[in-house]
C-alpha cells in the first residue's frame, strides 16, 4: 500500500471493530466480483503500455471520461510512443490537444515525457514517489499510474472512489478537505486486498459512475448495499457532504477579428496566462457601458497599436474558465494602419482562413473560425463582409 509517515497508523475507533472490518472486507469482495462482470469498456483498459496509461491519466484530470475517450486515440495516433511525444514541439502537442481544455495538462504531459526520457531512460517509473516528482502528477495520478500500469499495491481515490467509500463507511465530510480524503485513504488501504489494487481502484471508479451516483443512486442495483452505512441511513445522497455549486463570475470580452487583403491577424499568447502558447484573434475585456464594436476598436488601438474599422459582429460565444463564465463577442474589423505589438502576445501572424485551422488554439477560437468558414463558404472576403454587415447581431455559437 501507499507509504505512510513513520509511526502513522489508522485510528482505532468503532469503525474498526472486528465485525465492522469484516463487513467492509466482505463489501470489497462483492465489489470486485461485480466489477469483473460490469467493468466499463474504456480504451486505455485494453492496453498495458505504461505510456498509454500515463496519457489517459493526464486526459482524465479535471475532465470527464467521455471527453478523455474522444481525445485518447487521436493523441496516441499522433504521438504513439513516449519518445515521439518528447521530441514533438509544444505547438504540435497543443494542436492535437485543442478542444480538450485545461491546456496546462498538455504542456505538463510533454514536459513529463521529456523528463522520463532524460532521467529514467525512457521508461515510465513504477514507484509513486518517483512519479510524483514529474510535472503535473499529484498523489492521485501517481498512485493511479503505479497501480494501473504496474500493479503496484497503492490506492488511488478519485471523486467517485471518495463518494463510494464515504457512503460505504458512513463517513460524512467535505471531499475537498485533505483530512477527510486522508481518512478515506486510510480506510481504502486497510480493506484493499493485497495485490489487487488495480481492480480495486477501477471498481470504485465504475461503481461511483454507474450505480452510486451523486443524485438518485441506484441502491437497488448496488452490490455492496447490504454493508453500506449510507444505505442503512435511508439518505445516501447526504454522503459525503455536498458543496454548493460554484457561482461563476461573469466576464464580458471582445475578440477582434482583423482582416487585410484576405488574411486574418492572430496572436500567440504568452506563457503563464490562460491559454498560454495558443493562437487566437486578439481579445480583451469590454469596459463598463462599452459596446463590443467600440471595445474592438479600443483593443486594436491601445493593445495592438493598430487602427481598424469595425464592420459588424461575427458571433457571440459563452464558455467557462475556472470560476468565470465568459461572454465573448467576436467583431470583424478591417485593418487600416500600424504594426501589431502587445505584451499579451509573443508574436503575430497574418494568415488565410484555411491556415487558422492548423494552429493550436482554444475551443472558442476554433468556434469563431468555423463561423467564418460557414459564412464565407469558399473564403470569399466580400461575401464575408456583406453577410456580416447584413446580419450585424452575429450568431450565438
Foldseek 3Di string as FASTA:
>chain_A
DDDDDPPDAADDDPCVDPVNLVLVLVLLVLLLVVCVVDFDDAPLLVDQALLLLLLLLLLPPPDDRVLSRVLSVQQCVCVVALVSLLPDDLFSQLLSCAASDPCVSSVQSNQQSVCCVVPVVRGDDLDLVVVCVGGPDDNLSSQLSNCQNPLPQAARADPLLQLVLCFLSVNEDDPVDPVSVVNSRNVCSSNPDPSCRNSSNSSSVVCDVPAVDLPPGNLVPRSSLVRTNLVVVVHSNPPHPDDDDQQAAEFEKEFEFEADPQWTKKFAFDPPDVNHRFIARDMDTADVPHDNQRRNQCCCCPFFVFGKAWQAWAAWEWDDDDRHIYIYTYTYIYTDDDGTDHPGGPDMDIGHLVVVSSTSHHPVRVVSSVSQCVQCVVSDPVSSSVVRNVVRVHYYD
